[in-house]
N, C-alpha and C. Protein backbone atom coordinates (compact mmCIF):
# COMPACT_ATOMS: atom_id res chain seq x y z
N MET A 1 9.46 5.53 -15.56
CA MET A 1 8.43 6.51 -14.57
C MET A 1 7.85 7.51 -15.87
N SER A 2 6.54 7.84 -15.47
CA SER A 2 5.85 8.37 -16.16
C SER A 2 6.07 9.65 -16.75
N SER A 3 6.66 10.26 -15.75
CA SER A 3 7.40 11.71 -15.85
C SER A 3 8.92 12.01 -15.47
N LYS A 4 9.57 13.09 -15.57
CA LYS A 4 10.81 13.26 -14.67
C LYS A 4 10.95 13.81 -13.61
N PRO A 5 11.24 12.63 -12.38
CA PRO A 5 11.03 13.07 -11.03
C PRO A 5 11.94 14.77 -10.53
N LEU A 6 10.93 15.37 -9.63
CA LEU A 6 11.06 16.56 -9.08
C LEU A 6 12.02 16.37 -7.71
N PHE A 7 12.94 16.48 -7.44
CA PHE A 7 13.34 16.68 -6.33
C PHE A 7 13.68 18.23 -5.72
N VAL A 8 12.92 18.31 -4.23
CA VAL A 8 12.89 19.24 -3.56
C VAL A 8 13.69 19.32 -2.63
N ILE A 9 14.70 19.73 -2.22
CA ILE A 9 15.94 19.90 -1.13
C ILE A 9 15.74 21.09 -0.28
N ARG A 10 15.47 21.26 0.83
CA ARG A 10 15.26 22.41 1.76
C ARG A 10 16.29 21.84 3.22
N PRO A 11 16.50 22.50 4.11
CA PRO A 11 16.89 22.19 5.42
C PRO A 11 15.97 21.24 5.98
N GLY A 12 16.72 20.10 6.22
CA GLY A 12 15.93 19.21 7.18
C GLY A 12 14.54 18.51 5.74
N LEU A 13 14.54 18.80 4.77
CA LEU A 13 13.89 18.13 3.85
C LEU A 13 14.14 17.51 2.58
N SER A 14 13.63 16.50 2.29
CA SER A 14 14.04 15.73 1.30
C SER A 14 12.56 15.18 0.24
N LEU A 15 12.73 15.65 -0.59
CA LEU A 15 11.16 15.13 -1.30
C LEU A 15 11.56 14.74 -2.87
N CYS A 16 10.74 13.65 -3.37
CA CYS A 16 10.79 13.72 -4.78
C CYS A 16 9.50 13.67 -5.27
N LEU A 17 9.13 14.33 -6.33
CA LEU A 17 7.46 13.99 -6.79
C LEU A 17 7.69 13.68 -8.22
N VAL A 18 6.78 12.80 -8.78
CA VAL A 18 6.48 12.52 -10.10
C VAL A 18 5.16 12.55 -10.31
N ARG A 19 4.86 13.36 -11.42
CA ARG A 19 3.63 13.59 -11.70
C ARG A 19 2.85 12.74 -12.29
N ARG A 20 1.65 12.27 -12.38
CA ARG A 20 1.01 11.22 -13.13
C ARG A 20 1.56 9.66 -12.84
N TRP A 21 1.92 9.35 -12.17
CA TRP A 21 3.09 8.06 -11.80
C TRP A 21 1.88 7.08 -12.32
N VAL A 22 1.04 7.26 -11.68
CA VAL A 22 -0.02 6.10 -12.26
C VAL A 22 -0.77 6.90 -13.50
N SER A 23 -1.04 6.10 -14.28
CA SER A 23 -1.83 6.63 -15.29
C SER A 23 -3.14 6.53 -15.35
N ALA A 24 -3.95 7.45 -16.08
CA ALA A 24 -5.44 7.58 -15.70
C ALA A 24 -6.13 6.27 -15.65
N LYS A 25 -6.01 5.30 -16.84
CA LYS A 25 -6.69 4.52 -17.34
C LYS A 25 -6.64 3.42 -15.82
N THR A 26 -5.26 3.07 -15.32
CA THR A 26 -5.19 2.40 -13.92
C THR A 26 -5.84 3.18 -12.93
N GLU A 27 -5.46 4.80 -12.60
CA GLU A 27 -6.22 5.61 -11.24
C GLU A 27 -7.39 5.13 -11.42
N ARG A 28 -8.30 4.93 -12.81
CA ARG A 28 -9.82 4.64 -12.45
C ARG A 28 -10.10 3.11 -12.28
N GLU A 29 -9.16 2.52 -12.47
CA GLU A 29 -9.50 0.98 -11.73
C GLU A 29 -9.14 0.95 -10.49
N LEU A 30 -8.15 1.63 -10.21
CA LEU A 30 -7.77 1.68 -8.55
C LEU A 30 -8.45 1.79 -7.77
N ILE A 31 -9.20 3.00 -8.31
CA ILE A 31 -10.16 3.86 -7.19
C ILE A 31 -11.46 2.54 -7.01
N ALA A 32 -11.86 2.27 -8.52
CA ALA A 32 -13.22 1.06 -8.61
C ALA A 32 -12.82 0.24 -7.40
N SER A 33 -11.73 -0.50 -7.53
CA SER A 33 -11.15 -1.49 -7.27
C SER A 33 -10.99 -1.23 -5.30
N LEU A 34 -10.59 -0.31 -4.80
CA LEU A 34 -10.17 -0.16 -3.74
C LEU A 34 -11.65 0.23 -3.18
N ASP A 35 -12.39 0.78 -3.70
CA ASP A 35 -13.75 1.23 -3.06
C ASP A 35 -14.84 0.07 -2.79
N GLU A 36 -14.45 -1.11 -3.76
CA GLU A 36 -15.31 -2.35 -3.52
C GLU A 36 -14.95 -3.05 -2.81
N THR A 37 -13.39 -3.55 -2.57
CA THR A 37 -12.74 -4.58 -1.69
C THR A 37 -12.42 -4.26 -0.39
N LEU A 38 -11.91 -2.92 -0.13
CA LEU A 38 -11.09 -2.52 1.02
C LEU A 38 -12.28 -2.55 2.35
N GLN A 39 -11.96 -2.54 3.30
CA GLN A 39 -12.76 -2.32 4.21
C GLN A 39 -12.63 -0.85 5.12
N TRP A 40 -13.30 0.06 4.89
CA TRP A 40 -13.16 1.67 5.27
C TRP A 40 -14.17 1.58 6.13
N THR A 41 -12.76 2.42 7.18
CA THR A 41 -13.89 2.14 8.60
C THR A 41 -13.49 3.82 9.05
N GLN A 42 -14.00 4.33 10.27
CA GLN A 42 -13.57 5.64 10.30
C GLN A 42 -13.34 5.43 11.64
N GLY A 43 -11.54 5.55 11.90
CA GLY A 43 -11.25 5.32 13.07
C GLY A 43 -11.09 6.52 14.13
N SER A 44 -10.45 6.25 15.06
CA SER A 44 -10.52 7.21 16.21
C SER A 44 -9.16 7.28 16.64
N ILE A 45 -8.40 8.69 17.33
CA ILE A 45 -7.39 9.07 17.73
C ILE A 45 -7.57 9.72 19.19
N ARG A 46 -6.67 9.63 19.84
CA ARG A 46 -6.22 10.10 21.20
C ARG A 46 -5.65 11.53 21.04
N ILE A 47 -5.98 12.66 20.94
CA ILE A 47 -5.30 14.02 21.34
C ILE A 47 -5.93 14.67 22.48
N PHE A 48 -4.84 14.92 22.98
CA PHE A 48 -4.96 16.06 24.73
C PHE A 48 -5.97 15.40 25.32
N GLY A 49 -5.82 13.90 25.43
CA GLY A 49 -6.18 13.12 26.40
C GLY A 49 -7.83 12.98 26.20
N ARG A 50 -8.34 12.94 24.86
CA ARG A 50 -9.92 12.73 24.64
C ARG A 50 -10.11 12.30 23.22
N GLU A 51 -10.70 11.12 23.03
CA GLU A 51 -11.06 10.06 21.72
C GLU A 51 -11.56 11.14 20.73
N ILE A 52 -11.33 11.58 19.48
CA ILE A 52 -11.98 12.06 18.82
C ILE A 52 -11.95 11.25 17.38
N ASP A 53 -13.22 11.20 16.78
CA ASP A 53 -13.05 10.49 15.13
C ASP A 53 -12.11 10.86 14.24
N GLU A 54 -11.44 10.30 13.39
CA GLU A 54 -10.72 10.97 12.29
C GLU A 54 -11.35 11.65 11.32
N PRO A 55 -11.30 12.79 11.12
CA PRO A 55 -12.14 13.26 9.79
C PRO A 55 -11.86 12.69 8.20
N ARG A 56 -11.97 11.51 8.09
CA ARG A 56 -11.79 10.81 6.73
C ARG A 56 -12.13 9.09 6.97
N LEU A 57 -12.00 8.04 6.12
CA LEU A 57 -11.94 6.89 6.31
C LEU A 57 -10.62 6.59 5.95
N THR A 58 -10.72 5.33 6.66
CA THR A 58 -9.27 4.47 6.25
C THR A 58 -9.01 3.36 6.26
N ALA A 59 -8.21 2.17 5.66
CA ALA A 59 -8.10 1.22 5.38
C ALA A 59 -6.84 0.91 5.53
N TRP A 60 -6.03 -0.64 5.68
CA TRP A 60 -4.42 -0.68 5.58
C TRP A 60 -4.52 -1.97 5.21
N CYS A 61 -3.21 -2.39 4.71
CA CYS A 61 -2.86 -4.23 4.60
C CYS A 61 -1.32 -3.85 4.76
N GLY A 62 -0.78 -4.82 5.38
CA GLY A 62 0.42 -4.81 5.92
C GLY A 62 1.33 -6.54 6.74
N ASP A 63 2.67 -6.38 6.03
CA ASP A 63 3.29 -7.69 6.52
C ASP A 63 3.50 -7.71 8.30
N VAL A 64 3.15 -6.49 8.62
CA VAL A 64 3.93 -6.34 9.99
C VAL A 64 2.88 -5.48 10.51
N PRO A 65 2.75 -5.33 12.04
CA PRO A 65 1.73 -3.91 12.44
C PRO A 65 2.09 -2.74 12.51
N TYR A 66 1.17 -1.96 12.75
CA TYR A 66 1.48 -0.60 12.73
C TYR A 66 0.77 0.04 13.79
N THR A 67 1.38 1.09 14.63
CA THR A 67 0.81 2.06 15.32
C THR A 67 0.98 3.59 15.39
N TYR A 68 -0.13 3.96 15.26
CA TYR A 68 0.02 5.87 15.11
C TYR A 68 -1.24 6.38 15.88
N SER A 69 -0.66 7.14 16.90
CA SER A 69 -1.60 7.98 17.60
C SER A 69 -2.59 7.30 18.45
N ARG A 70 -1.55 6.24 18.89
CA ARG A 70 -2.21 5.36 19.74
C ARG A 70 -3.32 4.08 19.16
N ARG A 71 -3.81 4.45 18.18
CA ARG A 71 -4.37 3.54 17.08
C ARG A 71 -3.37 2.06 16.64
N GLN A 72 -4.12 0.79 17.15
CA GLN A 72 -3.06 -0.52 16.55
C GLN A 72 -3.78 -1.12 15.22
N LEU A 73 -3.08 -1.14 14.03
CA LEU A 73 -3.35 -1.65 12.74
C LEU A 73 -2.44 -3.35 13.02
N ALA A 74 -3.40 -3.96 12.97
CA ALA A 74 -2.92 -5.64 12.66
C ALA A 74 -2.14 -6.02 11.53
N VAL A 75 -2.01 -7.15 11.47
CA VAL A 75 -1.56 -7.47 9.68
C VAL A 75 -2.29 -7.65 9.50
N LYS A 76 -2.55 -7.80 8.08
CA LYS A 76 -3.66 -7.65 6.91
C LYS A 76 -2.97 -7.96 5.47
N PRO A 77 -3.92 -8.91 4.97
CA PRO A 77 -3.24 -9.44 3.80
C PRO A 77 -3.37 -8.06 2.91
N TRP A 78 -2.30 -8.45 1.60
CA TRP A 78 -2.19 -7.33 0.61
C TRP A 78 -3.29 -7.74 -0.70
N PRO A 79 -4.26 -7.04 -1.03
CA PRO A 79 -4.92 -7.07 -2.27
C PRO A 79 -3.89 -7.25 -3.36
N PRO A 80 -4.19 -7.97 -4.47
CA PRO A 80 -3.48 -8.13 -5.66
C PRO A 80 -2.80 -6.54 -6.42
N ASN A 81 -3.97 -5.65 -6.13
CA ASN A 81 -3.62 -4.45 -6.78
C ASN A 81 -2.76 -3.73 -6.00
N LEU A 82 -2.82 -3.67 -4.92
CA LEU A 82 -2.23 -2.75 -3.78
C LEU A 82 -0.43 -3.73 -3.62
N GLU A 83 -0.46 -4.85 -4.16
CA GLU A 83 0.63 -5.98 -4.08
C GLU A 83 1.64 -5.25 -5.43
N HIS A 84 0.99 -5.19 -6.28
CA HIS A 84 1.49 -4.69 -7.47
C HIS A 84 1.88 -2.84 -7.32
N VAL A 85 1.43 -2.05 -6.93
CA VAL A 85 1.86 -0.78 -6.85
C VAL A 85 3.21 -1.16 -5.78
N ARG A 86 3.04 -1.84 -4.68
CA ARG A 86 4.39 -2.21 -4.03
C ARG A 86 5.35 -2.16 -4.89
N GLU A 87 5.28 -3.34 -5.65
CA GLU A 87 6.44 -4.20 -6.22
C GLU A 87 6.91 -2.59 -7.12
N GLN A 88 5.91 -1.96 -7.88
CA GLN A 88 6.35 -0.98 -8.75
C GLN A 88 7.47 0.19 -7.88
N LEU A 89 6.86 0.50 -6.59
CA LEU A 89 7.69 1.33 -5.81
C LEU A 89 8.69 0.79 -5.50
N HIS A 90 8.77 -0.26 -5.23
CA HIS A 90 10.33 -0.97 -4.75
C HIS A 90 11.24 -0.70 -6.08
N ALA A 91 10.69 -1.01 -7.18
CA ALA A 91 11.66 -0.43 -8.49
C ALA A 91 12.23 1.14 -8.78
N VAL A 92 10.96 1.98 -8.25
CA VAL A 92 11.31 3.43 -8.50
C VAL A 92 12.20 3.85 -7.49
N ILE A 93 12.31 3.43 -5.88
CA ILE A 93 13.16 3.96 -5.14
C ILE A 93 14.42 3.24 -5.47
N ASP A 94 14.87 1.90 -5.96
CA ASP A 94 15.74 1.91 -6.53
C ASP A 94 16.26 2.27 -7.33
N GLN A 95 15.77 2.89 -8.29
CA GLN A 95 16.20 3.78 -9.47
C GLN A 95 16.48 4.78 -8.84
N LEU A 96 16.16 5.32 -7.89
CA LEU A 96 16.44 6.33 -7.36
C LEU A 96 17.39 6.63 -6.32
N GLY A 97 18.12 5.67 -5.78
CA GLY A 97 19.10 5.38 -4.63
C GLY A 97 18.23 5.86 -3.73
N ILE A 98 16.97 5.43 -2.96
CA ILE A 98 16.42 5.86 -2.04
C ILE A 98 16.35 3.99 -1.29
N THR A 99 16.93 4.22 -0.39
CA THR A 99 16.91 2.87 0.44
C THR A 99 15.84 2.93 1.83
N THR A 100 15.11 1.67 2.04
CA THR A 100 14.45 1.34 3.42
C THR A 100 14.93 0.55 3.86
N ALA A 101 14.85 0.19 5.07
CA ALA A 101 15.40 -0.85 6.27
C ALA A 101 14.58 -2.33 5.90
N PHE A 102 13.23 -2.27 5.85
CA PHE A 102 12.72 -3.46 5.81
C PHE A 102 11.34 -3.32 4.67
N GLY A 103 11.70 -2.46 3.33
CA GLY A 103 10.65 -2.50 2.05
C GLY A 103 9.66 -2.17 2.67
N PHE A 104 8.85 -1.88 1.75
CA PHE A 104 7.36 -1.27 1.57
C PHE A 104 6.68 -2.12 2.37
N ASN A 105 6.58 -2.63 3.78
CA ASN A 105 5.89 -3.72 4.31
C ASN A 105 4.55 -3.49 4.82
N HIS A 106 4.36 -1.99 4.89
CA HIS A 106 2.91 -1.70 5.49
C HIS A 106 2.64 -0.68 4.30
N CYS A 107 0.92 -0.39 4.06
CA CYS A 107 0.16 0.82 3.48
C CYS A 107 -1.00 1.03 4.47
N LEU A 108 -0.95 2.37 4.68
CA LEU A 108 -1.91 2.93 5.15
C LEU A 108 -2.91 3.96 4.24
N LEU A 109 -4.34 3.87 4.23
CA LEU A 109 -5.03 4.48 2.99
C LEU A 109 -5.80 5.12 3.59
N ASN A 110 -6.04 6.26 3.02
CA ASN A 110 -7.00 7.48 3.49
C ASN A 110 -8.25 7.82 2.50
N ARG A 111 -9.41 7.70 2.72
CA ARG A 111 -10.45 8.30 1.49
C ARG A 111 -11.00 9.62 2.18
N TYR A 112 -10.69 10.35 1.34
CA TYR A 112 -11.34 12.14 1.58
C TYR A 112 -12.36 11.86 1.08
N ARG A 113 -13.50 11.95 1.31
CA ARG A 113 -14.81 11.87 1.05
C ARG A 113 -15.35 12.92 0.20
N SER A 114 -14.76 14.59 0.96
CA SER A 114 -14.93 15.78 0.27
C SER A 114 -14.04 16.80 0.59
N GLY A 115 -14.09 17.74 0.72
CA GLY A 115 -13.32 18.88 1.37
C GLY A 115 -13.29 18.96 2.51
N ALA A 116 -14.39 18.65 3.16
CA ALA A 116 -14.48 18.31 4.60
C ALA A 116 -13.67 18.05 5.26
N ASP A 117 -12.98 16.80 4.75
CA ASP A 117 -12.61 15.73 5.49
C ASP A 117 -11.00 15.96 5.18
N SER A 118 -10.23 15.87 6.11
CA SER A 118 -8.78 16.42 6.34
C SER A 118 -7.91 15.75 7.04
N MET A 119 -6.70 15.92 6.82
CA MET A 119 -5.76 15.32 7.88
C MET A 119 -4.61 16.63 8.38
N GLY A 120 -4.84 16.60 9.51
CA GLY A 120 -4.17 17.63 10.54
C GLY A 120 -2.78 17.62 10.75
N TRP A 121 -2.32 18.90 11.28
CA TRP A 121 -0.48 18.79 10.85
C TRP A 121 0.14 17.18 11.90
N HIS A 122 0.68 17.05 11.39
CA HIS A 122 1.38 15.91 11.87
C HIS A 122 3.19 15.52 11.33
N ARG A 123 3.64 14.63 11.62
CA ARG A 123 4.80 14.12 11.56
C ARG A 123 4.75 12.24 11.55
N ASP A 124 5.38 11.76 10.40
CA ASP A 124 5.01 10.41 10.86
C ASP A 124 6.50 10.02 10.81
N ASN A 125 6.90 10.01 12.28
CA ASN A 125 8.14 9.74 12.90
C ASN A 125 8.05 8.67 13.65
N GLU A 126 6.90 7.79 13.85
CA GLU A 126 6.68 6.65 15.18
C GLU A 126 8.00 5.83 15.08
N VAL A 127 8.96 5.12 16.19
CA VAL A 127 9.90 4.59 16.27
C VAL A 127 10.04 3.53 15.54
N GLU A 128 9.00 3.03 15.12
CA GLU A 128 9.53 1.86 14.37
C GLU A 128 9.53 2.00 12.69
N LEU A 129 9.26 3.44 12.43
CA LEU A 129 9.90 3.79 11.06
C LEU A 129 11.13 3.86 10.83
N GLY A 130 12.10 4.12 12.06
CA GLY A 130 13.48 4.28 11.78
C GLY A 130 13.69 5.89 12.02
N ASP A 131 14.95 5.87 12.21
CA ASP A 131 15.88 7.17 11.92
C ASP A 131 15.63 8.15 11.12
N GLN A 132 15.51 7.58 9.74
CA GLN A 132 14.98 8.48 8.50
C GLN A 132 14.04 7.87 7.55
N PRO A 133 12.97 7.89 7.85
CA PRO A 133 11.60 7.35 7.41
C PRO A 133 11.36 7.59 6.03
N VAL A 134 11.10 6.66 5.11
CA VAL A 134 10.69 6.70 4.23
C VAL A 134 9.10 6.10 4.00
N ILE A 135 8.62 7.50 3.48
CA ILE A 135 6.77 7.39 2.95
C ILE A 135 6.78 7.57 1.81
N ALA A 136 6.20 6.84 0.90
CA ALA A 136 5.77 6.77 -0.66
C ALA A 136 4.44 7.09 -0.67
N SER A 137 4.06 8.23 -1.22
CA SER A 137 2.26 8.70 -0.78
C SER A 137 1.91 8.49 -2.56
N VAL A 138 0.96 7.96 -2.63
CA VAL A 138 0.56 7.74 -3.96
C VAL A 138 -1.29 8.56 -4.06
N SER A 139 -1.52 9.66 -4.73
CA SER A 139 -2.86 10.28 -4.39
C SER A 139 -3.40 9.89 -5.41
N LEU A 140 -4.68 9.85 -5.43
CA LEU A 140 -5.90 8.92 -6.47
C LEU A 140 -6.92 9.80 -6.44
N GLY A 141 -7.70 10.33 -7.56
CA GLY A 141 -8.76 10.69 -7.48
C GLY A 141 -8.46 12.61 -7.77
N ASP A 142 -9.45 13.43 -7.24
CA ASP A 142 -9.24 14.81 -7.12
C ASP A 142 -8.06 15.10 -6.66
N ALA A 143 -7.48 16.37 -6.97
CA ALA A 143 -6.23 16.98 -6.45
C ALA A 143 -6.89 17.90 -5.23
N ARG A 144 -5.86 17.81 -4.16
CA ARG A 144 -6.02 18.72 -2.99
C ARG A 144 -4.79 18.97 -2.62
N ARG A 145 -4.69 20.25 -1.84
CA ARG A 145 -3.20 20.97 -1.36
C ARG A 145 -2.72 20.09 -0.18
N PHE A 146 -1.69 19.65 -0.27
CA PHE A 146 -0.81 18.67 0.60
C PHE A 146 0.32 20.01 0.93
N ARG A 147 0.41 20.41 2.30
CA ARG A 147 1.21 21.41 2.57
C ARG A 147 2.43 20.80 3.52
N LEU A 148 3.19 21.33 3.51
CA LEU A 148 4.55 21.24 4.53
C LEU A 148 5.19 22.45 5.03
N ARG A 149 5.50 22.37 6.73
CA ARG A 149 6.07 22.95 7.41
C ARG A 149 7.31 23.05 8.19
N SER A 150 8.41 23.73 8.14
CA SER A 150 9.28 23.40 8.83
C SER A 150 9.46 23.75 10.44
N ARG A 151 9.80 23.03 11.39
CA ARG A 151 9.70 22.84 12.63
C ARG A 151 10.70 23.79 13.30
N GLN A 152 11.99 23.81 12.53
CA GLN A 152 12.91 24.17 13.22
C GLN A 152 12.95 25.76 12.61
N HIS A 153 12.83 25.79 11.24
CA HIS A 153 13.03 27.38 11.00
C HIS A 153 11.72 27.75 10.07
N PRO A 154 10.89 28.71 11.06
CA PRO A 154 10.31 29.54 10.86
C PRO A 154 10.23 30.21 9.79
N LYS A 155 11.41 30.72 9.61
CA LYS A 155 11.13 31.91 7.93
C LYS A 155 11.29 30.83 6.92
N ILE A 156 11.71 29.88 6.90
CA ILE A 156 11.17 29.07 5.84
C ILE A 156 10.01 28.97 5.32
N HIS A 157 9.58 29.65 4.14
CA HIS A 157 8.14 29.67 3.71
C HIS A 157 7.67 28.16 3.69
N PRO A 158 6.41 28.36 3.94
CA PRO A 158 5.96 26.40 3.91
C PRO A 158 5.64 26.38 2.32
N MET A 159 5.75 24.93 1.85
CA MET A 159 5.29 24.37 1.13
C MET A 159 4.22 23.96 0.69
N THR A 160 3.58 23.88 -0.36
CA THR A 160 2.05 23.53 -1.01
C THR A 160 2.16 22.73 -2.41
N PHE A 161 1.43 21.55 -2.53
CA PHE A 161 1.62 20.82 -3.72
C PHE A 161 0.05 20.41 -4.19
N GLU A 162 -0.20 20.67 -5.30
CA GLU A 162 -1.58 20.23 -5.31
C GLU A 162 -1.30 18.24 -5.75
N LEU A 163 -1.83 17.99 -5.11
CA LEU A 163 -1.88 16.27 -5.45
C LEU A 163 -2.79 15.49 -5.71
N GLY A 164 -2.84 14.73 -6.75
CA GLY A 164 -4.05 13.79 -7.22
C GLY A 164 -3.52 13.31 -8.69
N HIS A 165 -4.45 12.69 -8.89
CA HIS A 165 -4.52 12.22 -10.41
C HIS A 165 -3.15 11.25 -10.47
N GLY A 166 -2.93 10.59 -9.60
CA GLY A 166 -1.85 9.61 -9.65
C GLY A 166 -0.50 10.05 -9.61
N ASP A 167 -0.47 11.21 -8.76
CA ASP A 167 0.78 11.47 -8.55
C ASP A 167 1.45 10.87 -7.29
N LEU A 168 3.07 10.66 -7.28
CA LEU A 168 3.90 9.89 -6.25
C LEU A 168 4.51 11.00 -5.81
N LEU A 169 4.67 10.75 -4.49
CA LEU A 169 5.11 11.73 -3.59
C LEU A 169 6.43 11.18 -2.72
N LEU A 170 7.56 10.80 -2.57
CA LEU A 170 8.54 10.30 -1.80
C LEU A 170 8.97 11.71 -0.60
N MET A 171 8.73 10.98 0.78
CA MET A 171 9.61 12.10 1.56
C MET A 171 10.59 10.77 2.29
N TYR A 172 11.44 11.46 2.40
CA TYR A 172 12.78 10.08 3.24
C TYR A 172 13.96 11.79 3.57
N GLY A 173 15.11 10.91 3.97
CA GLY A 173 15.70 11.86 4.66
C GLY A 173 15.53 11.86 6.11
N MET A 174 15.58 13.36 6.64
CA MET A 174 15.23 13.63 8.05
C MET A 174 13.89 14.48 7.75
N THR A 175 13.41 14.45 6.83
CA THR A 175 12.26 15.53 6.69
C THR A 175 11.30 14.88 7.63
N GLN A 176 11.00 13.74 8.13
CA GLN A 176 9.92 13.68 9.54
C GLN A 176 10.07 13.75 10.53
N HIS A 177 11.40 14.41 10.79
CA HIS A 177 11.71 14.84 12.04
C HIS A 177 11.82 16.59 11.93
N HIS A 178 11.77 16.72 11.26
CA HIS A 178 12.13 18.30 11.09
C HIS A 178 11.28 19.04 10.46
N TRP A 179 9.93 18.34 9.23
CA TRP A 179 9.00 18.80 8.83
C TRP A 179 7.82 18.19 9.24
N GLU A 180 6.44 19.14 9.22
CA GLU A 180 5.25 18.39 9.51
C GLU A 180 4.56 19.20 8.11
N HIS A 181 3.92 18.01 8.06
CA HIS A 181 2.65 18.11 7.03
C HIS A 181 0.98 17.78 6.98
N ALA A 182 0.31 18.60 6.28
CA ALA A 182 -1.03 18.08 6.63
C ALA A 182 -1.92 18.40 5.31
N LEU A 183 -3.22 17.88 5.44
CA LEU A 183 -4.05 18.11 4.25
C LEU A 183 -5.02 18.52 4.67
N LEU A 184 -5.35 20.22 4.79
CA LEU A 184 -6.25 20.66 5.36
C LEU A 184 -7.84 20.83 4.75
N LYS A 185 -8.86 21.03 5.64
CA LYS A 185 -9.90 21.50 5.09
C LYS A 185 -9.79 22.37 3.77
N THR A 186 -11.04 22.27 3.02
CA THR A 186 -11.18 23.51 1.89
C THR A 186 -12.72 23.50 1.77
N ARG A 187 -13.14 24.70 1.17
CA ARG A 187 -14.60 24.90 1.33
C ARG A 187 -14.36 24.99 -0.82
N GLN A 188 -13.55 24.54 -1.26
CA GLN A 188 -13.67 24.37 -2.45
C GLN A 188 -14.65 23.06 -2.98
N THR A 189 -15.63 22.82 -4.10
CA THR A 189 -15.87 21.45 -4.26
C THR A 189 -15.06 20.68 -4.70
N THR A 190 -15.00 19.68 -4.18
CA THR A 190 -13.62 18.21 -4.58
C THR A 190 -14.42 17.52 -4.57
N GLY A 191 -14.03 16.22 -5.67
CA GLY A 191 -14.80 15.06 -5.15
C GLY A 191 -13.73 13.95 -4.44
N PRO A 192 -14.02 12.79 -4.14
CA PRO A 192 -13.05 11.96 -3.67
C PRO A 192 -11.89 11.94 -3.79
N ARG A 193 -11.27 11.51 -2.99
CA ARG A 193 -9.49 11.20 -3.12
C ARG A 193 -9.13 10.24 -2.37
N ILE A 194 -8.45 9.29 -2.70
CA ILE A 194 -7.80 8.31 -2.16
C ILE A 194 -6.51 8.52 -1.92
N ASN A 195 -5.93 8.21 -0.72
CA ASN A 195 -4.38 8.25 -0.89
C ASN A 195 -3.79 7.31 0.12
N LEU A 196 -2.74 6.57 -0.56
CA LEU A 196 -1.82 5.46 -0.50
C LEU A 196 -0.58 5.82 0.60
N THR A 197 -0.51 5.77 1.40
CA THR A 197 0.99 5.81 2.13
C THR A 197 1.75 4.42 2.10
N PHE A 198 2.60 4.17 1.72
CA PHE A 198 3.57 3.11 1.67
C PHE A 198 4.57 3.41 2.87
N ARG A 199 4.95 2.43 3.83
CA ARG A 199 5.75 2.84 4.94
C ARG A 199 6.49 1.49 5.09
N SER A 200 8.02 1.16 5.72
CA SER A 200 8.69 0.30 6.05
C SER A 200 8.91 0.42 7.59
N VAL A 201 8.07 -0.82 8.03
CA VAL A 201 7.81 -0.74 9.59
C VAL A 201 9.00 -1.67 10.12
N GLY A 202 9.48 -1.52 11.40
CA GLY A 202 10.22 -2.47 11.95
C GLY A 202 9.50 -2.63 13.12
N GLN A 203 10.32 -2.91 14.17
CA GLN A 203 9.86 -3.44 15.39
C GLN A 203 10.44 -2.12 16.61
N ARG A 204 9.39 -2.12 17.48
CA ARG A 204 9.83 -1.25 18.54
C ARG A 204 10.94 -2.06 19.71
């Protein structure tokens, strides 16, 4: 690994952060390749009974289908570059002693075009992610503030990480049950950012 892993443990929260896990050269190559080869779309999700456009672009690949916010993502082949990242992630979690039920068999990618694109407060706690979801998040491009807050203990101070430029964040254990996270809008001038979120998806 490019830097020493930083473990963050709070009540109901288990994180591991590796800064610059992806080298600057590899990051540039990945961004260019993903922009050119993936089919980026603006999906829609249902919130409080109405359909709204997601404030970002998305793409995905996976060995199995995956559903979130009633949006169904079908099986889609892995591009060679993402397959390589997946293999490296499997080596990392094996080294760290973090286990998944099915390996990382799905990757959802979010492309934030500017500070106006965002991800609201949510948890990755769909049934098919299991009792203790493991999410591997790789951030490419300009850094943005990734926020987490406890649902059970409001007195615990929320956490903020500036993630970008090849950073790897692993969320595991009971994190998705007890904490929620977001990438909120910002008025600061920021360039494009691509976030790769690898998941271990089973069957409902």
